[in-house]
Each structure stands twice: as C-alpha cells, then as structure tokens.
Amino acid sequence: MDAQEASGHRSQSVYGEFWRGILERCERLADLPGVVMERPGNAPYRVLVVNGVAVFPWRFGKRSTDEPTAALFGSSAARFALANMKPRPMQGMLDLELPDAGLSDEEVAFVKMLRAAVDLPAVTSGRLVVVAISSSGRGLHSAEWGEVTLSDDGYISWDGFHESLTAVTPTRPVSTTPSGDFTSGAVPQKLRPAGSDAVNFENDDR
C-alpha cells in the first residue's frame, strides 16, 4: 500500500508493474491533435495511437547492458495485438429523414468536416512504434524508440526509423552571472503621441 501511494499510479495491479505507471503518464499526450487512446485486444489498459500508429512505452530491462531486441516483447495476447491493431468496425448513420435544420452553406460544410473526423478510424496502419526503456533504482540506463516488427516468437526487430533518446549533443558552458540589473542602463524616454502638446502642471493647483 505504501508503494502504491508513493508511486502515484492509479493501477492497483501486482506490485512491480512499473510499466503501467509509464502508460498512465503518457495519457496526457492524448490532448494533442491526431492522438487518441486505444485498447489493444482485451488488454486492461489503453495505449497512444498517433495519426493511426500505435506507440507503446516498454520497460524491457534493468541494466545498461540489456538490449531490447534480446528481451521478450510478446509476453501476452495484448502485446501481439499491439503489433497489428486493426481499425474498429464503424456503424453507418441511419437516414431518419429529419426536417431541414436551415443551416447555412458554411454550417453544412462544418458539419460534414466534423462527421468525417468522427468517422475516421483511430487505427489505420497496423504499425507499431516502441519506446524501449531500461531503468532501475539507480537511474535511466537507456531509452530509444523506433518502428518495430514483431516476430512470431515475440521478439522485436527495428524496422526503419530508430534512434536513441539519451544521446545528447554536448553544449558549451553558459554563464549564469547576470550581465545587468533593473537599475542599470540608460533611462528610457517617455513617448508622446504625435501632434500632442506638452502640458506643464508645475504651477497647476489641481
């Protein structure tokens, strides 16, 4: 119970399922355009689908020497379903012959666009991108992502795009010493609208 509270995970699955917490933190990306959450097969969780491509964060190891291609990915039916997610069957809309709503041409065009967006299936490609993470209590050892192909025996192979997320380009040192403050520098001149006359309130009793 203490571990559940400290982790901040909603899932109350078996202690140690760290990957469920990673999935929960990815849910905030569902607010981005073209991103939805879909359930692979009969899984008790949902994954990101970005422009029709499933994205799955996968913690495959605990050591820096672990390799994602040497770890078993297809450990369940849901994992195999991830690699071949199909569009959901869409039910057509019945023509109820409702009276004309009196919409303008612009409103009719907007309704058609909205209907097309709603009818568009979330999964269109059957492609899978894996974010492979190796981590432990000592820190993050590796993180890489790319499109994968899942073999019949449950192992992934990188297919096309693939890169490390921890390879950071070295940068030059940057000074943190402030070069100025609020009281330094030239005093800015107050601008007066063109054509306005200056008013002297020096001797004004108001």
N, C-alpha and C. Protein backbone atom coordinates (compact mmCIF):
# COMPACT_ATOMS: atom_id res chain seq x y z
N MET A 1 0.82 -1.21 0.00
CA MET A 1 0.00 0.00 0.00
C MET A 1 0.86 1.26 0.00
N ASP A 2 1.96 1.23 0.76
CA ASP A 2 2.87 2.37 0.78
C ASP A 2 3.49 2.59 -0.60
N ALA A 3 3.88 1.48 -1.26
CA ALA A 3 4.47 1.59 -2.59
C ALA A 3 3.46 2.14 -3.59
N GLN A 4 2.21 1.71 -3.47
CA GLN A 4 1.17 2.21 -4.37
C GLN A 4 0.99 3.71 -4.21
N GLU A 5 0.97 4.17 -2.97
CA GLU A 5 0.79 5.61 -2.72
C GLU A 5 2.00 6.41 -3.18
N ALA A 6 3.19 5.89 -2.94
CA ALA A 6 4.40 6.63 -3.31
C ALA A 6 4.58 6.71 -4.82
N SER A 7 4.15 5.67 -5.54
CA SER A 7 4.34 5.65 -6.99
C SER A 7 3.41 6.62 -7.69
N GLY A 8 2.25 6.88 -7.11
CA GLY A 8 1.28 7.74 -7.76
C GLY A 8 0.52 7.06 -8.88
N HIS A 9 0.65 5.73 -9.02
CA HIS A 9 -0.06 5.00 -10.07
C HIS A 9 -1.52 4.81 -9.70
N ARG A 10 -2.39 4.93 -10.69
CA ARG A 10 -3.80 4.60 -10.47
C ARG A 10 -4.00 3.09 -10.45
N SER A 11 -3.25 2.39 -11.27
CA SER A 11 -3.40 0.94 -11.38
C SER A 11 -3.07 0.27 -10.05
N GLN A 12 -3.90 -0.68 -9.66
CA GLN A 12 -3.66 -1.43 -8.44
C GLN A 12 -3.26 -2.86 -8.77
N SER A 13 -2.50 -3.02 -9.85
CA SER A 13 -2.04 -4.34 -10.26
C SER A 13 -0.93 -4.82 -9.33
N VAL A 14 -0.38 -5.97 -9.69
CA VAL A 14 0.67 -6.56 -8.85
C VAL A 14 1.82 -5.58 -8.67
N TYR A 15 2.31 -5.46 -7.46
CA TYR A 15 3.43 -4.55 -7.18
C TYR A 15 4.61 -4.89 -8.08
N GLY A 16 5.20 -3.88 -8.66
CA GLY A 16 6.36 -4.08 -9.52
C GLY A 16 6.06 -3.80 -10.98
N GLU A 17 4.79 -3.63 -11.33
CA GLU A 17 4.45 -3.34 -12.72
C GLU A 17 4.69 -1.86 -13.02
N PHE A 18 5.94 -1.51 -13.07
CA PHE A 18 6.34 -0.12 -13.27
C PHE A 18 5.84 0.43 -14.61
N TRP A 19 5.71 -0.45 -15.60
CA TRP A 19 5.33 -0.02 -16.94
C TRP A 19 3.92 0.53 -16.97
N ARG A 20 3.06 0.09 -16.04
CA ARG A 20 1.70 0.62 -16.03
C ARG A 20 1.71 2.11 -15.68
N GLY A 21 2.62 2.51 -14.80
CA GLY A 21 2.74 3.93 -14.46
C GLY A 21 3.22 4.75 -15.64
N ILE A 22 4.11 4.17 -16.47
CA ILE A 22 4.58 4.89 -17.66
C ILE A 22 3.41 5.12 -18.61
N LEU A 23 2.56 4.11 -18.79
CA LEU A 23 1.39 4.26 -19.65
C LEU A 23 0.47 5.37 -19.15
N GLU A 24 0.27 5.42 -17.83
CA GLU A 24 -0.61 6.43 -17.26
C GLU A 24 -0.08 7.83 -17.52
N ARG A 25 1.23 8.00 -17.46
CA ARG A 25 1.81 9.32 -17.67
C ARG A 25 1.77 9.73 -19.14
N CYS A 26 1.64 8.77 -20.02
CA CYS A 26 1.53 9.09 -21.45
C CYS A 26 0.14 9.59 -21.81
N GLU A 27 -0.83 9.37 -20.93
CA GLU A 27 -2.20 9.74 -21.25
C GLU A 27 -2.36 11.24 -21.47
N ARG A 28 -1.50 12.05 -20.86
CA ARG A 28 -1.61 13.50 -21.02
C ARG A 28 -1.36 13.92 -22.47
N LEU A 29 -0.71 13.07 -23.25
CA LEU A 29 -0.46 13.39 -24.66
C LEU A 29 -1.70 13.22 -25.52
N ALA A 30 -2.74 12.61 -24.96
CA ALA A 30 -3.97 12.38 -25.73
C ALA A 30 -4.69 13.67 -26.08
N ASP A 31 -4.30 14.77 -25.46
CA ASP A 31 -4.92 16.06 -25.77
C ASP A 31 -4.35 16.68 -27.05
N LEU A 32 -3.28 16.12 -27.57
CA LEU A 32 -2.65 16.67 -28.77
C LEU A 32 -3.46 16.29 -30.02
N PRO A 33 -3.38 17.09 -31.07
CA PRO A 33 -4.11 16.77 -32.31
C PRO A 33 -3.64 15.44 -32.91
N GLY A 34 -4.58 14.63 -33.37
CA GLY A 34 -4.24 13.38 -34.01
C GLY A 34 -3.90 12.25 -33.07
N VAL A 35 -4.09 12.45 -31.74
CA VAL A 35 -3.73 11.43 -30.76
C VAL A 35 -4.99 10.94 -30.04
N VAL A 36 -5.15 9.64 -29.95
CA VAL A 36 -6.25 9.03 -29.22
C VAL A 36 -5.69 7.88 -28.38
N MET A 37 -6.51 7.39 -27.45
CA MET A 37 -6.14 6.24 -26.63
C MET A 37 -6.97 5.05 -27.09
N GLU A 38 -6.31 3.93 -27.39
CA GLU A 38 -6.99 2.72 -27.86
C GLU A 38 -6.57 1.52 -27.03
N ARG A 39 -7.46 0.55 -26.92
CA ARG A 39 -7.19 -0.67 -26.16
C ARG A 39 -6.73 -1.78 -27.12
N PRO A 40 -5.52 -2.33 -26.92
CA PRO A 40 -5.06 -3.42 -27.79
C PRO A 40 -5.70 -4.74 -27.37
N GLY A 41 -6.51 -5.31 -28.24
CA GLY A 41 -7.17 -6.57 -27.90
C GLY A 41 -8.07 -6.41 -26.70
N ASN A 42 -7.93 -7.33 -25.74
CA ASN A 42 -8.71 -7.29 -24.50
C ASN A 42 -7.88 -6.80 -23.33
N ALA A 43 -6.86 -6.00 -23.60
CA ALA A 43 -5.97 -5.51 -22.54
C ALA A 43 -6.73 -4.63 -21.55
N PRO A 44 -6.33 -4.64 -20.27
CA PRO A 44 -6.97 -3.77 -19.28
C PRO A 44 -6.39 -2.35 -19.28
N TYR A 45 -5.71 -1.97 -20.34
CA TYR A 45 -5.10 -0.65 -20.44
C TYR A 45 -5.24 -0.15 -21.86
N ARG A 46 -4.99 1.13 -22.06
CA ARG A 46 -5.04 1.74 -23.39
C ARG A 46 -3.68 2.32 -23.73
N VAL A 47 -3.39 2.41 -25.01
CA VAL A 47 -2.11 2.93 -25.48
C VAL A 47 -2.36 4.11 -26.41
N LEU A 48 -1.33 4.90 -26.62
CA LEU A 48 -1.41 6.03 -27.53
C LEU A 48 -1.46 5.55 -28.98
N VAL A 49 -2.30 6.18 -29.76
CA VAL A 49 -2.31 5.98 -31.20
C VAL A 49 -2.16 7.36 -31.82
N VAL A 50 -1.04 7.60 -32.48
CA VAL A 50 -0.70 8.90 -33.05
C VAL A 50 -0.82 8.82 -34.57
N ASN A 51 -1.79 9.53 -35.11
CA ASN A 51 -2.02 9.53 -36.56
C ASN A 51 -2.11 8.11 -37.12
N GLY A 52 -2.81 7.24 -36.38
CA GLY A 52 -3.02 5.88 -36.84
C GLY A 52 -1.93 4.90 -36.49
N VAL A 53 -0.86 5.33 -35.82
CA VAL A 53 0.26 4.46 -35.46
C VAL A 53 0.28 4.27 -33.94
N ALA A 54 0.27 3.02 -33.50
CA ALA A 54 0.32 2.72 -32.07
C ALA A 54 1.71 3.02 -31.51
N VAL A 55 1.75 3.62 -30.31
CA VAL A 55 3.02 3.93 -29.64
C VAL A 55 2.98 3.30 -28.25
N PHE A 56 3.97 2.49 -27.94
CA PHE A 56 3.96 1.75 -26.67
C PHE A 56 5.28 1.94 -25.93
N PRO A 57 5.25 2.58 -24.73
CA PRO A 57 6.47 2.66 -23.91
C PRO A 57 6.70 1.33 -23.21
N TRP A 58 7.87 0.78 -23.39
CA TRP A 58 8.16 -0.58 -22.93
C TRP A 58 9.43 -0.60 -22.10
N ARG A 59 9.30 -0.94 -20.84
CA ARG A 59 10.48 -1.10 -19.97
C ARG A 59 10.96 -2.54 -20.11
N PHE A 60 12.04 -2.71 -20.87
CA PHE A 60 12.48 -4.05 -21.24
C PHE A 60 13.57 -4.59 -20.34
N GLY A 61 14.28 -3.71 -19.59
CA GLY A 61 15.41 -4.19 -18.81
C GLY A 61 15.73 -3.32 -17.62
N LYS A 62 16.70 -3.78 -16.83
CA LYS A 62 17.10 -3.07 -15.61
C LYS A 62 18.58 -2.73 -15.59
N ARG A 63 19.32 -3.12 -16.64
CA ARG A 63 20.77 -2.89 -16.68
C ARG A 63 21.14 -2.16 -17.96
N SER A 64 22.28 -1.50 -17.92
CA SER A 64 22.74 -0.75 -19.10
C SER A 64 23.15 -1.67 -20.23
N THR A 65 23.42 -2.94 -19.93
CA THR A 65 23.85 -3.88 -20.95
C THR A 65 22.68 -4.59 -21.62
N ASP A 66 21.48 -4.41 -21.12
CA ASP A 66 20.31 -5.08 -21.69
C ASP A 66 19.97 -4.48 -23.05
N GLU A 67 19.53 -5.33 -23.97
CA GLU A 67 19.17 -4.92 -25.31
C GLU A 67 17.69 -5.23 -25.56
N PRO A 68 16.93 -4.29 -26.13
CA PRO A 68 15.50 -4.55 -26.35
C PRO A 68 15.24 -5.68 -27.33
N THR A 69 16.12 -5.88 -28.30
CA THR A 69 15.89 -6.94 -29.28
C THR A 69 16.15 -8.33 -28.69
N ALA A 70 16.78 -8.39 -27.51
CA ALA A 70 17.05 -9.67 -26.85
C ALA A 70 16.03 -9.97 -25.76
N ALA A 71 15.11 -9.05 -25.49
CA ALA A 71 14.09 -9.24 -24.46
C ALA A 71 12.77 -9.64 -25.10
N LEU A 72 12.01 -10.48 -24.42
CA LEU A 72 10.73 -10.94 -24.95
C LEU A 72 9.69 -9.83 -24.85
N PHE A 73 9.18 -9.41 -25.99
CA PHE A 73 8.13 -8.38 -26.02
C PHE A 73 6.74 -9.01 -25.99
N GLY A 74 6.53 -10.02 -26.80
CA GLY A 74 5.21 -10.64 -26.90
C GLY A 74 4.95 -11.60 -25.76
N SER A 75 4.76 -11.06 -24.57
CA SER A 75 4.52 -11.89 -23.39
C SER A 75 3.04 -12.12 -23.12
N SER A 76 2.17 -11.55 -23.95
CA SER A 76 0.73 -11.72 -23.76
C SER A 76 0.03 -11.52 -25.10
N ALA A 77 -1.26 -11.89 -25.13
CA ALA A 77 -2.04 -11.69 -26.35
C ALA A 77 -2.18 -10.21 -26.67
N ALA A 78 -2.25 -9.37 -25.63
CA ALA A 78 -2.38 -7.93 -25.84
C ALA A 78 -1.14 -7.37 -26.51
N ARG A 79 0.04 -7.88 -26.15
CA ARG A 79 1.28 -7.40 -26.77
C ARG A 79 1.31 -7.76 -28.26
N PHE A 80 0.85 -8.95 -28.60
CA PHE A 80 0.80 -9.32 -30.01
C PHE A 80 -0.23 -8.49 -30.76
N ALA A 81 -1.34 -8.16 -30.07
CA ALA A 81 -2.36 -7.32 -30.69
C ALA A 81 -1.84 -5.92 -30.96
N LEU A 82 -0.90 -5.46 -30.13
CA LEU A 82 -0.30 -4.13 -30.32
C LEU A 82 0.35 -4.00 -31.69
N ALA A 83 0.99 -5.07 -32.13
CA ALA A 83 1.76 -5.02 -33.37
C ALA A 83 0.88 -5.12 -34.60
N ASN A 84 -0.41 -5.34 -34.40
CA ASN A 84 -1.29 -5.48 -35.57
C ASN A 84 -2.69 -4.98 -35.21
N MET A 85 -2.75 -3.77 -34.67
CA MET A 85 -4.04 -3.22 -34.29
C MET A 85 -4.84 -2.88 -35.54
N LYS A 86 -6.12 -3.26 -35.52
CA LYS A 86 -6.99 -3.07 -36.67
C LYS A 86 -7.98 -1.94 -36.39
N PRO A 87 -8.43 -1.27 -37.45
CA PRO A 87 -9.48 -0.24 -37.26
C PRO A 87 -10.74 -0.88 -36.69
N ARG A 88 -11.40 -0.15 -35.81
CA ARG A 88 -12.65 -0.63 -35.24
C ARG A 88 -13.76 -0.59 -36.29
N PRO A 89 -14.67 -1.57 -36.25
CA PRO A 89 -15.80 -1.51 -37.20
C PRO A 89 -16.66 -0.30 -36.91
N MET A 90 -17.03 0.41 -37.96
CA MET A 90 -17.82 1.62 -37.81
C MET A 90 -19.25 1.37 -38.27
N GLN A 91 -20.18 1.77 -37.44
CA GLN A 91 -21.59 1.63 -37.80
C GLN A 91 -22.04 2.85 -38.59
N GLY A 92 -22.72 2.61 -39.69
CA GLY A 92 -23.19 3.70 -40.51
C GLY A 92 -24.29 4.50 -39.83
N MET A 93 -24.56 5.67 -40.37
CA MET A 93 -25.58 6.54 -39.82
C MET A 93 -26.90 6.33 -40.56
N LEU A 94 -27.99 6.14 -39.82
CA LEU A 94 -29.31 5.96 -40.42
C LEU A 94 -29.85 7.30 -40.94
N ASP A 95 -30.51 7.25 -42.07
CA ASP A 95 -31.17 8.43 -42.61
C ASP A 95 -32.58 8.48 -42.05
N LEU A 96 -32.81 9.34 -41.06
CA LEU A 96 -34.10 9.42 -40.37
C LEU A 96 -35.05 10.40 -41.04
N GLU A 97 -34.63 10.99 -42.16
CA GLU A 97 -35.45 11.93 -42.91
C GLU A 97 -35.99 13.05 -42.00
N LEU A 98 -35.08 13.63 -41.22
CA LEU A 98 -35.45 14.75 -40.35
C LEU A 98 -35.67 16.00 -41.17
N PRO A 99 -36.50 16.92 -40.68
CA PRO A 99 -36.73 18.16 -41.43
C PRO A 99 -35.45 18.98 -41.55
N ASP A 100 -35.41 19.82 -42.57
CA ASP A 100 -34.25 20.67 -42.82
C ASP A 100 -34.02 21.59 -41.62
N ALA A 101 -32.76 21.61 -41.13
CA ALA A 101 -32.44 22.43 -39.96
C ALA A 101 -32.19 23.88 -40.32
N GLY A 102 -32.19 24.21 -41.60
CA GLY A 102 -31.98 25.59 -42.01
C GLY A 102 -30.56 26.07 -41.83
N LEU A 103 -29.59 25.19 -42.01
CA LEU A 103 -28.19 25.57 -41.85
C LEU A 103 -27.70 26.31 -43.08
N SER A 104 -26.76 27.22 -42.86
CA SER A 104 -26.13 27.92 -43.96
C SER A 104 -25.13 27.00 -44.64
N ASP A 105 -24.63 27.40 -45.82
CA ASP A 105 -23.65 26.60 -46.54
C ASP A 105 -22.39 26.39 -45.71
N GLU A 106 -21.98 27.42 -44.97
CA GLU A 106 -20.78 27.32 -44.12
C GLU A 106 -21.01 26.33 -42.99
N GLU A 107 -22.20 26.35 -42.39
CA GLU A 107 -22.52 25.43 -41.30
C GLU A 107 -22.63 24.00 -41.81
N VAL A 108 -23.19 23.81 -43.00
CA VAL A 108 -23.27 22.47 -43.58
C VAL A 108 -21.88 21.91 -43.84
N ALA A 109 -20.96 22.76 -44.36
CA ALA A 109 -19.58 22.32 -44.61
C ALA A 109 -18.89 21.93 -43.30
N PHE A 110 -19.16 22.70 -42.24
CA PHE A 110 -18.54 22.39 -40.94
C PHE A 110 -19.05 21.06 -40.40
N VAL A 111 -20.36 20.80 -40.53
CA VAL A 111 -20.94 19.54 -40.06
C VAL A 111 -20.34 18.36 -40.82
N LYS A 112 -20.15 18.51 -42.13
CA LYS A 112 -19.55 17.43 -42.92
C LYS A 112 -18.12 17.16 -42.49
N MET A 113 -17.37 18.22 -42.22
CA MET A 113 -15.99 18.06 -41.78
C MET A 113 -15.94 17.38 -40.42
N LEU A 114 -16.84 17.77 -39.51
CA LEU A 114 -16.88 17.18 -38.18
C LEU A 114 -17.28 15.71 -38.26
N ARG A 115 -18.24 15.39 -39.11
CA ARG A 115 -18.68 14.00 -39.26
C ARG A 115 -17.56 13.14 -39.82
N ALA A 116 -16.80 13.68 -40.78
CA ALA A 116 -15.68 12.93 -41.35
C ALA A 116 -14.61 12.66 -40.30
N ALA A 117 -14.36 13.64 -39.42
CA ALA A 117 -13.36 13.46 -38.36
C ALA A 117 -13.80 12.41 -37.36
N VAL A 118 -15.09 12.38 -37.04
CA VAL A 118 -15.61 11.41 -36.08
C VAL A 118 -15.60 10.00 -36.66
N ASP A 119 -15.91 9.89 -37.95
CA ASP A 119 -15.97 8.57 -38.59
C ASP A 119 -14.60 8.00 -38.91
N LEU A 120 -13.55 8.83 -38.87
CA LEU A 120 -12.21 8.37 -39.20
C LEU A 120 -11.72 7.38 -38.15
N PRO A 121 -11.37 6.15 -38.52
CA PRO A 121 -10.89 5.18 -37.52
C PRO A 121 -9.58 5.62 -36.90
N ALA A 122 -9.43 5.35 -35.60
CA ALA A 122 -8.22 5.78 -34.88
C ALA A 122 -6.99 5.04 -35.39
N VAL A 123 -7.13 3.77 -35.67
CA VAL A 123 -6.01 2.96 -36.14
C VAL A 123 -6.19 2.70 -37.62
N THR A 124 -5.21 3.11 -38.41
CA THR A 124 -5.34 2.98 -39.86
C THR A 124 -4.18 2.22 -40.50
N SER A 125 -3.11 1.98 -39.77
CA SER A 125 -1.91 1.46 -40.42
C SER A 125 -1.44 0.10 -39.92
N GLY A 126 -1.80 -0.28 -38.70
CA GLY A 126 -1.28 -1.52 -38.14
C GLY A 126 0.20 -1.46 -37.82
N ARG A 127 0.75 -0.24 -37.72
CA ARG A 127 2.18 -0.07 -37.42
C ARG A 127 2.37 0.18 -35.93
N LEU A 128 3.55 -0.16 -35.43
CA LEU A 128 3.85 -0.03 -34.00
C LEU A 128 5.20 0.65 -33.81
N VAL A 129 5.21 1.68 -32.97
CA VAL A 129 6.43 2.34 -32.54
C VAL A 129 6.63 2.02 -31.06
N VAL A 130 7.80 1.54 -30.70
CA VAL A 130 8.12 1.18 -29.32
C VAL A 130 9.12 2.17 -28.76
N VAL A 131 8.85 2.65 -27.54
CA VAL A 131 9.80 3.46 -26.78
C VAL A 131 10.41 2.53 -25.75
N ALA A 132 11.60 2.01 -26.03
CA ALA A 132 12.23 0.98 -25.21
C ALA A 132 13.07 1.63 -24.11
N ILE A 133 12.78 1.28 -22.85
CA ILE A 133 13.41 1.92 -21.70
C ILE A 133 14.07 0.86 -20.82
N SER A 134 15.31 1.10 -20.44
CA SER A 134 15.99 0.28 -19.45
C SER A 134 16.29 1.17 -18.25
N SER A 135 15.78 0.80 -17.09
CA SER A 135 15.96 1.65 -15.90
C SER A 135 15.94 0.80 -14.64
N SER A 136 16.46 1.39 -13.58
CA SER A 136 16.45 0.75 -12.27
C SER A 136 16.42 1.84 -11.21
N GLY A 137 16.54 1.43 -9.96
CA GLY A 137 16.57 2.41 -8.89
C GLY A 137 17.77 3.33 -8.97
N ARG A 138 18.78 2.95 -9.74
CA ARG A 138 19.98 3.78 -9.89
C ARG A 138 19.84 4.84 -10.95
N GLY A 139 18.84 4.70 -11.82
CA GLY A 139 18.64 5.73 -12.84
C GLY A 139 18.19 5.15 -14.17
N LEU A 140 18.13 6.02 -15.17
CA LEU A 140 17.75 5.64 -16.52
C LEU A 140 19.01 5.22 -17.27
N HIS A 141 19.05 3.96 -17.71
CA HIS A 141 20.23 3.44 -18.38
C HIS A 141 20.20 3.66 -19.89
N SER A 142 19.03 3.51 -20.49
CA SER A 142 18.91 3.74 -21.92
C SER A 142 17.45 3.97 -22.27
N ALA A 143 17.24 4.70 -23.35
CA ALA A 143 15.90 4.95 -23.89
C ALA A 143 16.05 5.16 -25.38
N GLU A 144 15.36 4.38 -26.15
CA GLU A 144 15.41 4.50 -27.60
C GLU A 144 14.03 4.20 -28.16
N TRP A 145 13.78 4.72 -29.35
CA TRP A 145 12.48 4.50 -29.94
C TRP A 145 12.60 4.31 -31.43
N GLY A 146 11.58 3.67 -31.99
CA GLY A 146 11.58 3.43 -33.42
C GLY A 146 10.46 2.48 -33.79
N GLU A 147 10.25 2.34 -35.10
CA GLU A 147 9.22 1.42 -35.58
C GLU A 147 9.76 0.00 -35.51
N VAL A 148 8.90 -0.94 -35.10
CA VAL A 148 9.36 -2.31 -34.91
C VAL A 148 8.45 -3.29 -35.65
N THR A 149 9.00 -4.45 -35.88
CA THR A 149 8.26 -5.59 -36.38
C THR A 149 8.35 -6.68 -35.33
N LEU A 150 7.23 -7.33 -35.04
CA LEU A 150 7.19 -8.37 -34.01
C LEU A 150 7.22 -9.74 -34.68
N SER A 151 8.17 -10.55 -34.25
CA SER A 151 8.31 -11.89 -34.82
C SER A 151 7.27 -12.84 -34.21
N ASP A 152 7.13 -14.01 -34.79
CA ASP A 152 6.16 -14.99 -34.29
C ASP A 152 6.50 -15.48 -32.89
N ASP A 153 7.78 -15.44 -32.53
CA ASP A 153 8.16 -15.90 -31.20
C ASP A 153 8.19 -14.77 -30.18
N GLY A 154 7.75 -13.55 -30.57
CA GLY A 154 7.55 -12.48 -29.58
C GLY A 154 8.69 -11.51 -29.41
N TYR A 155 9.68 -11.53 -30.31
CA TYR A 155 10.80 -10.59 -30.20
C TYR A 155 10.68 -9.51 -31.27
N ILE A 156 11.16 -8.30 -30.93
CA ILE A 156 11.06 -7.18 -31.86
C ILE A 156 12.34 -7.04 -32.66
N SER A 157 12.20 -6.43 -33.81
CA SER A 157 13.36 -6.01 -34.60
C SER A 157 13.07 -4.60 -35.09
N TRP A 158 14.07 -3.74 -35.06
CA TRP A 158 13.88 -2.37 -35.51
C TRP A 158 13.63 -2.36 -37.01
N ASP A 159 12.64 -1.59 -37.41
CA ASP A 159 12.23 -1.58 -38.81
C ASP A 159 12.17 -0.14 -39.29
N GLY A 160 13.21 0.31 -39.97
CA GLY A 160 13.23 1.69 -40.46
C GLY A 160 13.74 2.65 -39.40
N PHE A 161 12.93 3.67 -39.09
CA PHE A 161 13.35 4.73 -38.18
C PHE A 161 13.66 4.18 -36.80
N HIS A 162 14.81 4.60 -36.23
CA HIS A 162 15.22 4.14 -34.90
C HIS A 162 16.32 5.07 -34.39
N GLU A 163 16.15 5.60 -33.17
CA GLU A 163 17.17 6.49 -32.62
C GLU A 163 17.15 6.43 -31.10
N SER A 164 18.27 6.85 -30.49
CA SER A 164 18.39 6.92 -29.04
C SER A 164 17.82 8.24 -28.55
N LEU A 165 17.14 8.17 -27.40
CA LEU A 165 16.60 9.38 -26.79
C LEU A 165 17.50 9.94 -25.70
N THR A 166 18.59 9.26 -25.43
CA THR A 166 19.51 9.72 -24.39
C THR A 166 20.80 10.28 -24.96
N ALA A 167 20.97 10.23 -26.26
CA ALA A 167 22.17 10.79 -26.89
C ALA A 167 22.00 12.30 -26.98
N VAL A 168 22.66 13.01 -26.08
CA VAL A 168 22.54 14.47 -26.01
C VAL A 168 23.78 15.11 -26.60
N THR A 169 23.62 16.05 -27.48
CA THR A 169 24.75 16.75 -28.08
C THR A 169 25.39 17.68 -27.04
N PRO A 170 26.70 17.56 -26.81
CA PRO A 170 27.35 18.44 -25.82
C PRO A 170 27.21 19.91 -26.22
N THR A 171 27.02 20.75 -25.21
CA THR A 171 26.90 22.18 -25.46
C THR A 171 28.00 22.92 -24.71
N ARG A 172 28.26 24.17 -25.12
CA ARG A 172 29.27 24.98 -24.45
C ARG A 172 28.74 25.50 -23.13
N PRO A 173 29.64 25.74 -22.16
CA PRO A 173 29.18 26.31 -20.87
C PRO A 173 28.53 27.67 -21.08
N VAL A 174 27.50 27.93 -20.32
CA VAL A 174 26.77 29.19 -20.40
C VAL A 174 26.90 29.90 -19.05
N SER A 175 27.24 31.18 -19.08
CA SER A 175 27.40 31.95 -17.85
C SER A 175 26.05 32.19 -17.20
N THR A 176 26.00 32.01 -15.90
CA THR A 176 24.79 32.29 -15.14
C THR A 176 24.91 33.61 -14.37
N THR A 177 26.04 34.31 -14.58
CA THR A 177 26.23 35.61 -13.92
C THR A 177 25.42 36.67 -14.65
N PRO A 178 24.52 37.38 -13.96
CA PRO A 178 23.70 38.39 -14.65
C PRO A 178 24.57 39.51 -15.21
N SER A 179 24.26 39.91 -16.45
CA SER A 179 25.03 40.96 -17.11
C SER A 179 24.49 42.35 -16.80
N GLY A 180 23.36 42.44 -16.16
CA GLY A 180 22.78 43.73 -15.81
C GLY A 180 21.70 43.56 -14.79
N ASP A 181 21.17 44.64 -14.31
CA ASP A 181 20.07 44.54 -13.36
C ASP A 181 19.03 45.61 -13.69
N PHE A 182 18.03 45.71 -12.86
CA PHE A 182 16.90 46.59 -13.11
C PHE A 182 17.30 48.06 -13.09
N THR A 183 18.32 48.41 -12.32
CA THR A 183 18.68 49.82 -12.14
C THR A 183 19.79 50.27 -13.08
N SER A 184 20.34 49.38 -13.89
CA SER A 184 21.44 49.76 -14.77
C SER A 184 20.92 50.08 -16.16
N GLY A 185 21.76 50.74 -16.95
CA GLY A 185 21.38 51.06 -18.32
C GLY A 185 20.78 52.45 -18.44
N ALA A 186 20.56 52.85 -19.70
CA ALA A 186 20.01 54.18 -19.96
C ALA A 186 18.55 54.26 -19.55
N VAL A 187 18.15 55.45 -19.10
CA VAL A 187 16.76 55.66 -18.71
C VAL A 187 15.92 55.80 -19.97
N PRO A 188 14.89 54.99 -20.14
CA PRO A 188 14.07 55.10 -21.35
C PRO A 188 13.29 56.40 -21.39
N GLN A 189 13.11 56.94 -22.60
CA GLN A 189 12.36 58.18 -22.79
C GLN A 189 10.88 57.88 -22.96
N LYS A 190 10.06 58.68 -22.31
CA LYS A 190 8.63 58.50 -22.42
C LYS A 190 8.16 59.04 -23.77
N LEU A 191 7.40 58.25 -24.49
CA LEU A 191 6.92 58.65 -25.80
C LEU A 191 5.60 59.40 -25.68
N ARG A 192 5.46 60.47 -26.53
CA ARG A 192 4.23 61.23 -26.53
C ARG A 192 3.60 61.11 -27.90
N PRO A 193 2.28 60.90 -28.01
CA PRO A 193 1.64 60.77 -29.32
C PRO A 193 1.94 61.96 -30.20
N ALA A 194 2.11 61.67 -31.50
CA ALA A 194 2.41 62.74 -32.45
C ALA A 194 1.28 63.77 -32.47
N GLY A 195 1.68 65.08 -32.49
CA GLY A 195 0.70 66.16 -32.56
C GLY A 195 0.17 66.63 -31.23
N SER A 196 0.53 65.93 -30.14
CA SER A 196 0.05 66.35 -28.82
C SER A 196 0.97 67.42 -28.26
N ASP A 197 0.42 68.34 -27.49
CA ASP A 197 1.20 69.41 -26.87
C ASP A 197 1.59 69.03 -25.47
N ALA A 198 2.80 69.44 -25.08
CA ALA A 198 3.25 69.17 -23.73
C ALA A 198 2.46 70.04 -22.75
N VAL A 199 2.11 69.50 -21.64
CA VAL A 199 1.35 70.23 -20.61
C VAL A 199 2.22 70.32 -19.38
N ASN A 200 2.34 71.53 -18.84
CA ASN A 200 3.15 71.77 -17.65
C ASN A 200 2.22 71.92 -16.46
N PHE A 201 2.33 70.96 -15.54
CA PHE A 201 1.47 71.01 -14.34
C PHE A 201 2.22 71.52 -13.13
N GLU A 202 3.40 72.15 -13.39
CA GLU A 202 4.23 72.61 -12.26
C GLU A 202 3.48 73.58 -11.36
N ASN A 203 2.79 74.55 -11.99
CA ASN A 203 2.10 75.57 -11.21
C ASN A 203 0.60 75.34 -11.19
N ASP A 204 0.21 74.12 -11.52
CA ASP A 204 -1.23 73.80 -11.55
C ASP A 204 -1.65 73.43 -10.14
N ASP A 205 -2.66 74.15 -9.60
CA ASP A 205 -3.11 73.86 -8.26
C ASP A 205 -3.90 72.55 -8.18
N ARG A 206 -4.26 72.00 -9.33
CA ARG A 206 -5.01 70.77 -9.26
C ARG A 206 -4.13 69.63 -8.78
